[in-house]
PDB file of N, CA and C in Angstrom:
ATOM      1  N   UNK A   1      51.182  16.575-104.905  1.00  0.00           N
ATOM      2  CA  UNK A   1      51.034  15.262-104.065  1.00  0.00           C
ATOM      3  C   UNK A   1      51.593  14.140-104.930  1.00  0.00           C
ATOM      4  N   UNK A   2      52.740  13.261-104.095  1.00  0.00           N
ATOM      5  CA  UNK A   2      53.389  12.116-104.683  1.00  0.00           C
ATOM      6  C   UNK A   2      53.337  10.866-104.146  1.00  0.00           C
ATOM      7  N   UNK A   3      53.093   9.662-104.548  1.00  0.00           N
ATOM      8  CA  UNK A   3      53.390   8.335-104.200  1.00  0.00           C
ATOM      9  C   UNK A   3      54.615   7.678-104.438  1.00  0.00           C
ATOM     10  N   UNK A   4      55.289   7.314-103.321  1.00  0.00           N
ATOM     11  CA  UNK A   4      56.364   6.342-103.558  1.00  0.00           C
ATOM     12  C   UNK A   4      56.261   5.272-102.917  1.00  0.00           C
ATOM     13  N   UNK A   5      56.327   4.351-104.026  1.00  0.00           N
ATOM     14  CA  UNK A   5      56.291   3.168-103.528  1.00  0.00           C
ATOM     15  C   UNK A   5      57.775   2.102-103.188  1.00  0.00           C
ATOM     16  N   UNK A   6      57.659   1.929-102.125  1.00  0.00           N
ATOM     17  CA  UNK A   6      59.275   1.178-101.869  1.00  0.00           C
ATOM     18  C   UNK A   6      58.910  -0.429-101.914  1.00  0.00           C
ATOM     19  N   UNK A   7      59.988  -0.975-102.400  1.00  0.00           N
ATOM     20  CA  UNK A   7      59.739  -2.671-102.547  1.00  0.00           C
ATOM     21  C   UNK A   7      61.261  -3.076-102.383  1.00  0.00           C
ATOM     22  N   UNK A   8      61.480  -4.499-101.695  1.00  0.00           N
ATOM     23  CA  UNK A   8      62.842  -4.920-101.467  1.00  0.00           C
ATOM     24  C   UNK A   8      62.259  -6.454-101.302  1.00  0.00           C
ATOM     25  N   UNK A   9      63.465  -7.110-101.180  1.00  0.00           N
ATOM     26  CA  UNK A   9      63.471  -8.506-100.867  1.00  0.00           C
ATOM     27  C   UNK A   9      63.354  -8.918 -99.575  1.00  0.00           C
ATOM     28  N   UNK A  10      63.437  -8.232 -98.570  1.00  0.00           N
ATOM     29  CA  UNK A  10      63.431  -8.477 -97.378  1.00  0.00           C
ATOM     30  C   UNK A  10      62.800  -7.210 -96.678  1.00  0.00           C
ATOM     31  N   UNK A  11      61.856  -7.470 -95.302  1.00  0.00           N
ATOM     32  CA  UNK A  11      61.213  -6.510 -94.781  1.00  0.00           C
ATOM     33  C   UNK A  11      62.239  -5.412 -94.180  1.00  0.00           C
ATOM     34  N   UNK A  12      63.737  -5.938 -93.816  1.00  0.00           N
ATOM     35  CA  UNK A  12      64.670  -5.193 -93.332  1.00  0.00           C
ATOM     36  C   UNK A  12      65.100  -4.089 -94.678  1.00  0.00           C
ATOM     37  N   UNK A  13      65.042  -4.736 -95.826  1.00  0.00           N
ATOM     38  CA  UNK A  13      65.646  -3.828 -96.949  1.00  0.00           C
ATOM     39  C   UNK A  13      64.381  -2.703 -97.062  1.00  0.00           C
ATOM     40  N   UNK A  14      63.336  -3.400 -97.022  1.00  0.00           N
ATOM     41  CA  UNK A  14      61.930  -2.349 -97.230  1.00  0.00           C
ATOM     42  C   UNK A  14      61.969  -0.926 -96.269  1.00  0.00           C
ATOM     43  N   UNK A  15      62.654  -1.535 -94.977  1.00  0.00           N
ATOM     44  CA  UNK A  15      62.514  -0.276 -93.911  1.00  0.00           C
ATOM     45  C   UNK A  15      63.488   0.652 -94.233  1.00  0.00           C
ATOM     46  N   UNK A  16      64.886  -0.140 -94.455  1.00  0.00           N
ATOM     47  CA  UNK A  16      66.055   0.758 -94.955  1.00  0.00           C
ATOM     48  C   UNK A  16      65.731   1.634 -95.752  1.00  0.00           C
ATOM     49  N   UNK A  17      65.231   1.420 -96.944  1.00  0.00           N
ATOM     50  CA  UNK A  17      64.732   2.192 -98.115  1.00  0.00           C
ATOM     51  C   UNK A  17      63.703   3.267 -97.776  1.00  0.00           C
ATOM     52  N   UNK A  18      62.471   2.822 -96.922  1.00  0.00           N
ATOM     53  CA  UNK A  18      61.649   3.691 -96.521  1.00  0.00           C
ATOM     54  C   UNK A  18      62.503   5.075 -95.660  1.00  0.00           C
ATOM     55  N   UNK A  19      63.418   4.473 -94.762  1.00  0.00           N
ATOM     56  CA  UNK A  19      64.008   5.353 -94.101  1.00  0.00           C
ATOM     57  C   UNK A  19      65.093   6.449 -94.840  1.00  0.00           C
ATOM     58  N   UNK A  20      65.783   6.059 -96.017  1.00  0.00           N
ATOM     59  CA  UNK A  20      66.602   6.712 -96.769  1.00  0.00           C
ATOM     60  C   UNK A  20      65.605   7.828 -97.308  1.00  0.00           C
ATOM     61  N   UNK A  21      64.370   7.322 -98.088  1.00  0.00           N
ATOM     62  CA  UNK A  21      63.353   8.137 -98.557  1.00  0.00           C
ATOM     63  C   UNK A  21      63.015   9.235 -97.739  1.00  0.00           C
ATOM     64  N   UNK A  22      62.634   8.812 -96.125  1.00  0.00           N
ATOM     65  CA  UNK A  22      62.291   9.765 -95.180  1.00  0.00           C
ATOM     66  C   UNK A  22      63.365  11.111 -95.028  1.00  0.00           C
ATOM     67  N   UNK A  23      64.625  10.556 -95.007  1.00  0.00           N
ATOM     68  CA  UNK A  23      65.615  11.413 -95.064  1.00  0.00           C
ATOM     69  C   UNK A  23      65.800  12.328 -95.907  1.00  0.00           C
ATOM     70  N   UNK A  24      65.354  11.732 -97.146  1.00  0.00           N
ATOM     71  CA  UNK A  24      65.618  12.754 -98.274  1.00  0.00           C
ATOM     72  C   UNK A  24      64.290  13.926 -98.297  1.00  0.00           C
ATOM     73  N   UNK A  25      63.517  13.201 -98.014  1.00  0.00           N
ATOM     74  CA  UNK A  25      62.346  14.366 -97.866  1.00  0.00           C
ATOM     75  C   UNK A  25      62.429  15.352 -97.259  1.00  0.00           C
ATOM     76  N   UNK A  26      62.813  14.763 -95.574  1.00  0.00           N
ATOM     77  CA  UNK A  26      63.239  15.825 -94.758  1.00  0.00           C
ATOM     78  C   UNK A  26      64.191  16.787 -95.212  1.00  0.00           C
ATOM     79  N   UNK A  27      65.315  16.244 -95.634  1.00  0.00           N
ATOM     80  CA  UNK A  27      66.331  17.214 -96.332  1.00  0.00           C
ATOM     81  C   UNK A  27      65.768  18.253 -97.130  1.00  0.00           C
ATOM     82  N   UNK A  28      64.986  17.998 -98.104  1.00  0.00           N
ATOM     83  CA  UNK A  28      64.164  18.561 -99.171  1.00  0.00           C
ATOM     84  C   UNK A  28      63.578  19.760 -98.180  1.00  0.00           C
ATOM     85  N   UNK A  29      62.336  19.279 -97.540  1.00  0.00           N
ATOM     86  CA  UNK A  29      61.646  20.162 -96.741  1.00  0.00           C
ATOM     87  C   UNK A  29      62.169  21.345 -95.841  1.00  0.00           C
ATOM     88  N   UNK A  30      63.254  21.021 -95.348  1.00  0.00           N
ATOM     89  CA  UNK A  30      64.373  21.892 -94.838  1.00  0.00           C
ATOM     90  C   UNK A  30      65.090  22.868 -95.624  1.00  0.00           C
ATOM     91  N   UNK A  31      65.545  22.390 -96.923  1.00  0.00           N
ATOM     92  CA  UNK A  31      65.667  23.081 -97.968  1.00  0.00           C
ATOM     93  C   UNK A  31      64.886  24.084 -98.340  1.00  0.00           C
ATOM     94  N   UNK A  32      63.783  23.810 -98.704  1.00  0.00           N
ATOM     95  CA  UNK A  32      62.469  24.538 -98.821  1.00  0.00           C
ATOM     96  C   UNK A  32      62.497  25.633 -97.788  1.00  0.00           C
ATOM     97  N   UNK A  33      62.279  25.151 -96.827  1.00  0.00           N
ATOM     98  CA  UNK A  33      61.906  26.296 -95.474  1.00  0.00           C
ATOM     99  C   UNK A  33      63.098  27.107 -95.212  1.00  0.00           C
ATOM    100  N   UNK A  34      64.232  26.733 -95.403  1.00  0.00           N
ATOM    101  CA  UNK A  34      65.335  27.625 -94.804  1.00  0.00           C
ATOM    102  C   UNK A  34      66.354  28.087 -95.893  1.00  0.00           C
ATOM    103  N   UNK A  35      66.370  27.405 -96.962  1.00  0.00           N
ATOM    104  CA  UNK A  35      67.356  27.664 -98.238  1.00  0.00           C
ATOM    105  C   UNK A  35      68.324  26.963 -98.220  1.00  0.00           C
ATOM    106  N   UNK A  36      68.970  27.055 -99.287  1.00  0.00           N
ATOM    107  CA  UNK A  36      70.241  26.154 -99.722  1.00  0.00           C
ATOM    108  C   UNK A  36      70.853  27.063-100.072  1.00  0.00           C
ATOM    109  N   UNK A  37      72.339  26.798-100.037  1.00  0.00           N
ATOM    110  CA  UNK A  37      73.463  27.554-100.756  1.00  0.00           C
ATOM    111  C   UNK A  37      74.155  26.645-101.450  1.00  0.00           C
ATOM    112  N   UNK A  38      74.199  26.649-102.859  1.00  0.00           N
ATOM    113  CA  UNK A  38      74.935  25.703-103.369  1.00  0.00           C
ATOM    114  C   UNK A  38      76.334  26.194-103.961  1.00  0.00           C
ATOM    115  N   UNK A  39      77.699  25.309-103.932  1.00  0.00           N
ATOM    116  CA  UNK A  39      78.819  25.689-104.393  1.00  0.00           C
ATOM    117  C   UNK A  39      79.535  25.282-103.129  1.00  0.00           C
ATOM    118  N   UNK A  40      79.310  24.554-102.344  1.00  0.00           N
ATOM    119  CA  UNK A  40      80.300  23.784-101.561  1.00  0.00           C
ATOM    120  C   UNK A  40      81.471  24.727-100.753  1.00  0.00           C
ATOM    121  N   UNK A  41      80.683  25.813-100.099  1.00  0.00           N
ATOM    122  CA  UNK A  41      81.106  26.452 -99.348  1.00  0.00           C
ATOM    123  C   UNK A  41      81.971  27.834 -99.934  1.00  0.00           C
ATOM    124  N   UNK A  42      82.145  27.773-101.117  1.00  0.00           N
ATOM    125  CA  UNK A  42      82.665  28.745-101.867  1.00  0.00           C
ATOM    126  C   UNK A  42      81.912  30.383-101.779  1.00  0.00           C
ATOM    127  N   UNK A  43      80.796  30.037-101.600  1.00  0.00           N
ATOM    128  CA  UNK A  43      80.086  31.318-101.505  1.00  0.00           C
ATOM    129  C   UNK A  43      80.321  31.914-100.053  1.00  0.00           C
ATOM    130  N   UNK A  44      80.370  31.132 -98.964  1.00  0.00           N
ATOM    131  CA  UNK A  44      81.221  31.662 -97.984  1.00  0.00           C
ATOM    132  C   UNK A  44      82.481  32.179 -97.883  1.00  0.00           C
ATOM    133  N   UNK A  45      83.426  31.596 -98.509  1.00  0.00           N
ATOM    134  CA  UNK A  45      84.687  32.260 -98.549  1.00  0.00           C
ATOM    135  C   UNK A  45      84.734  33.402 -99.306  1.00  0.00           C
ATOM    136  N   UNK A  46      83.943  33.697-100.187  1.00  0.00           N
ATOM    137  CA  UNK A  46      83.874  34.878-101.035  1.00  0.00           C
ATOM    138  C   UNK A  46      83.053  36.064 -99.984  1.00  0.00           C
ATOM    139  N   UNK A  47      82.414  35.403 -99.481  1.00  0.00           N
ATOM    140  CA  UNK A  47      81.839  36.374 -98.253  1.00  0.00           C
ATOM    141  C   UNK A  47      82.757  36.834 -97.244  1.00  0.00           C
ATOM    142  N   UNK A  48      83.617  35.868 -96.967  1.00  0.00           N
ATOM    143  CA  UNK A  48      84.959  36.380 -96.059  1.00  0.00           C
ATOM    144  C   UNK A  48      85.690  37.294 -96.538  1.00  0.00           C
ATOM    145  N   UNK A  49      85.946  37.616 -98.076  1.00  0.00           N
ATOM    146  CA  UNK A  49      86.318  38.366 -98.542  1.00  0.00           C
ATOM    147  C   UNK A  49      85.873  39.946 -98.590  1.00  0.00           C
ATOM    148  N   UNK A  50      84.783  39.792 -98.632  1.00  0.00           N
ATOM    149  CA  UNK A  50      83.876  41.047 -98.579  1.00  0.00           C
ATOM    150  C   UNK A  50      84.266  41.487 -97.198  1.00  0.00           C
ATOM    151  N   UNK A  51      83.730  40.487 -96.492  1.00  0.00           N
ATOM    152  CA  UNK A  51      84.329  41.217 -94.868  1.00  0.00           C
ATOM    153  C   UNK A  51      85.367  41.445 -94.431  1.00  0.00           C
ATOM    154  N   UNK A  52      86.482  41.275 -95.209  1.00  0.00           N
ATOM    155  CA  UNK A  52      87.723  41.813 -94.837  1.00  0.00           C
ATOM    156  C   UNK A  52      87.868  43.109 -95.019  1.00  0.00           C
ATOM    157  N   UNK A  53      87.272  43.776 -96.007  1.00  0.00           N
ATOM    158  CA  UNK A  53      86.864  45.191 -96.475  1.00  0.00           C
ATOM    159  C   UNK A  53      86.005  45.971 -95.555  1.00  0.00           C
ATOM    160  N   UNK A  54      85.426  44.941 -94.678  1.00  0.00           N
ATOM    161  CA  UNK A  54      84.468  45.858 -93.476  1.00  0.00           C
ATOM    162  C   UNK A  54      84.985  46.221 -92.566  1.00  0.00           C
ATOM    163  N   UNK A  55      84.631  47.471 -91.848  1.00  0.00           N
ATOM    164  CA  UNK A  55      85.154  48.322 -90.955  1.00  0.00           C
ATOM    165  C   UNK A  55      84.095  48.258 -89.942  1.00  0.00           C
ATOM    166  N   UNK A  56      84.164  47.815 -88.595  1.00  0.00           N
ATOM    167  CA  UNK A  56      83.107  47.864 -87.761  1.00  0.00           C
ATOM    168  C   UNK A  56      83.618  49.274 -87.027  1.00  0.00           C
ATOM    169  N   UNK A  57      82.215  49.672 -86.323  1.00  0.00           N
ATOM    170  CA  UNK A  57      82.351  51.045 -85.925  1.00  0.00           C
ATOM    171  C   UNK A  57      83.320  51.200 -84.642  1.00  0.00           C
ATOM    172  N   UNK A  58      83.522  49.943 -83.666  1.00  0.00           N
ATOM    173  CA  UNK A  58      84.193  49.912 -82.620  1.00  0.00           C
ATOM    174  C   UNK A  58      85.105  48.745 -82.489  1.00  0.00           C
ATOM    175  N   UNK A  59      86.020  48.780 -81.572  1.00  0.00           N
ATOM    176  CA  UNK A  59      86.799  47.269 -81.109  1.00  0.00           C
ATOM    177  C   UNK A  59      86.022  46.082 -81.329  1.00  0.00           C
ATOM    178  N   UNK A  60      84.628  46.082 -80.538  1.00  0.00           N
ATOM    179  CA  UNK A  60      83.970  45.049 -80.541  1.00  0.00           C
ATOM    180  C   UNK A  60      83.284  44.531 -81.820  1.00  0.00           C
ATOM    181  N   UNK A  61      83.057  45.410 -82.415  1.00  0.00           N
ATOM    182  CA  UNK A  61      82.330  45.189 -84.128  1.00  0.00           C
ATOM    183  C   UNK A  61      83.521  44.394 -84.416  1.00  0.00           C
ATOM    184  N   UNK A  62      84.767  44.841 -84.659  1.00  0.00           N
ATOM    185  CA  UNK A  62      85.959  44.254 -85.463  1.00  0.00           C
ATOM    186  C   UNK A  62      86.142  43.158 -84.827  1.00  0.00           C
ATOM    187  N   UNK A  63      86.012  42.622 -83.503  1.00  0.00           N
ATOM    188  CA  UNK A  63      86.178  41.248 -83.093  1.00  0.00           C
ATOM    189  C   UNK A  63      85.175  40.687 -83.744  1.00  0.00           C
ATOM    190  N   UNK A  64      83.809  40.963 -83.765  1.00  0.00           N
ATOM    191  CA  UNK A  64      82.767  39.979 -84.112  1.00  0.00           C
ATOM    192  C   UNK A  64      82.903  39.888 -85.670  1.00  0.00           C
ATOM    193  N   UNK A  65      83.274  40.740 -86.268  1.00  0.00           N
ATOM    194  CA  UNK A  65      83.520  40.238 -87.733  1.00  0.00           C
ATOM    195  C   UNK A  65      84.610  39.345 -87.943  1.00  0.00           C
ATOM    196  N   UNK A  66      85.714  39.841 -87.440  1.00  0.00           N
ATOM    197  CA  UNK A  66      86.968  38.605 -87.185  1.00  0.00           C
ATOM    198  C   UNK A  66      86.341  37.133 -86.926  1.00  0.00           C
ATOM    199  N   UNK A  67      85.590  36.868 -86.150  1.00  0.00           N
ATOM    200  CA  UNK A  67      85.080  35.979 -85.446  1.00  0.00           C
ATOM    201  C   UNK A  67      84.142  35.140 -86.599  1.00  0.00           C
ATOM    202  N   UNK A  68      83.166  36.014 -87.183  1.00  0.00           N
ATOM    203  CA  UNK A  68      82.520  35.699 -88.505  1.00  0.00           C
ATOM    204  C   UNK A  68      83.347  34.983 -89.530  1.00  0.00           C
ATOM    205  N   UNK A  69      84.363  36.058 -89.791  1.00  0.00           N
ATOM    206  CA  UNK A  69      85.103  35.719 -90.934  1.00  0.00           C
ATOM    207  C   UNK A  69      85.949  34.332 -90.990  1.00  0.00           C
ATOM    208  N   UNK A  70      86.328  33.945 -89.741  1.00  0.00           N
ATOM    209  CA  UNK A  70      86.832  32.770 -89.454  1.00  0.00           C
ATOM    210  C   UNK A  70      86.268  31.658 -89.258  1.00  0.00           C
ATOM    211  N   UNK A  71      84.749  31.696 -89.009  1.00  0.00           N
ATOM    212  CA  UNK A  71      83.785  30.723 -88.858  1.00  0.00           C
ATOM    213  C   UNK A  71      83.254  30.338 -90.296  1.00  0.00           C
ATOM    214  N   UNK A  72      83.121  30.914 -91.054  1.00  0.00           N
ATOM    215  CA  UNK A  72      82.661  30.965 -92.420  1.00  0.00           C
ATOM    216  C   UNK A  72      83.600  30.346 -93.326  1.00  0.00           C
ATOM    217  N   UNK A  73      84.983  30.111 -92.648  1.00  0.00           N
ATOM    218  CA  UNK A  73      85.953  29.458 -93.850  1.00  0.00           C
ATOM    219  C   UNK A  73      86.095  27.930 -93.432  1.00  0.00           C
ATOM    220  N   UNK A  74      85.032  27.346 -92.198  1.00  0.00           N
ATOM    221  CA  UNK A  74      85.371  26.176 -92.037  1.00  0.00           C
ATOM    222  C   UNK A  74      84.341  25.126 -92.707  1.00  0.00           C
ATOM    223  N   UNK A  75      83.400  25.682 -93.259  1.00  0.00           N
ATOM    224  CA  UNK A  75      82.811  24.336 -94.366  1.00  0.00           C
ATOM    225  C   UNK A  75      83.590  24.040 -95.542  1.00  0.00           C
ATOM    226  N   UNK A  76      84.195  25.022 -96.102  1.00  0.00           N
ATOM    227  CA  UNK A  76      85.454  24.921 -97.276  1.00  0.00           C
ATOM    228  C   UNK A  76      86.554  23.882 -96.820  1.00  0.00           C
ATOM    229  N   UNK A  77      86.589  24.301 -95.390  1.00  0.00           N
ATOM    230  CA  UNK A  77      87.887  23.671 -94.653  1.00  0.00           C
ATOM    231  C   UNK A  77      87.714  21.967 -94.573  1.00  0.00           C
ATOM    232  N   UNK A  78      86.413  21.963 -94.072  1.00  0.00           N
ATOM    233  CA  UNK A  78      85.846  20.648 -93.966  1.00  0.00           C
ATOM    234  C   UNK A  78      85.712  19.641 -95.033  1.00  0.00           C
ATOM    235  N   UNK A  79      85.127  20.349 -96.224  1.00  0.00           N
ATOM    236  CA  UNK A  79      85.214  19.600 -97.295  1.00  0.00           C
ATOM    237  C   UNK A  79      86.497  19.232 -98.115  1.00  0.00           C
ATOM    238  N   UNK A  80      87.339  20.095 -97.787  1.00  0.00           N
ATOM    239  CA  UNK A  80      88.866  19.854 -98.153  1.00  0.00           C
ATOM    240  C   UNK A  80      89.493  18.352 -97.213  1.00  0.00           C
ATOM    241  N   UNK A  81      88.952  18.771 -96.175  1.00  0.00           N
ATOM    242  CA  UNK A  81      89.623  17.600 -95.233  1.00  0.00           C
ATOM    243  C   UNK A  81      89.039  16.314 -95.308  1.00  0.00           C
ATOM    244  N   UNK A  82      87.782  16.450 -96.093  1.00  0.00           N
ATOM    245  CA  UNK A  82      87.120  15.224 -96.288  1.00  0.00           C
ATOM    246  C   UNK A  82      87.311  14.155 -97.467  1.00  0.00           C
ATOM    247  N   UNK A  83      87.801  15.417 -98.147  1.00  0.00           N
ATOM    248  CA  UNK A  83      88.312  15.063 -99.403  1.00  0.00           C
ATOM    249  C   UNK A  83      89.639  14.369 -99.334  1.00  0.00           C
ATOM    250  N   UNK A  84      90.554  14.644 -98.567  1.00  0.00           N
ATOM    251  CA  UNK A  84      91.887  14.098 -98.283  1.00  0.00           C
ATOM    252  C   UNK A  84      92.579  14.981 -98.720  1.00  0.00           C
ATOM    253  N   UNK A  85      92.268  16.204 -98.680  1.00  0.00           N
ATOM    254  CA  UNK A  85      93.307  17.288 -99.295  1.00  0.00           C
ATOM    255  C   UNK A  85      94.031  18.133 -97.747  1.00  0.00           C
TER     256      UNK A  85
END
């Protein structure tokens, strides 16, 4: 259990800081509950390489594998876009 004291020059500033702390705590709780994957999307790109070698049992499975391979590239792509690359 922890107590976080928030102060500020105005009531608006205090509320804003409290909201930021609440957001951080909720993100931390979600990470603990659901897990996190560090690496900025690199792990997903590596998983895509592993999926490239995977062969489905039929055409539908191959389509599914291709969809997942394409989808998991987007986190890293979005990071690059956000960075202006």
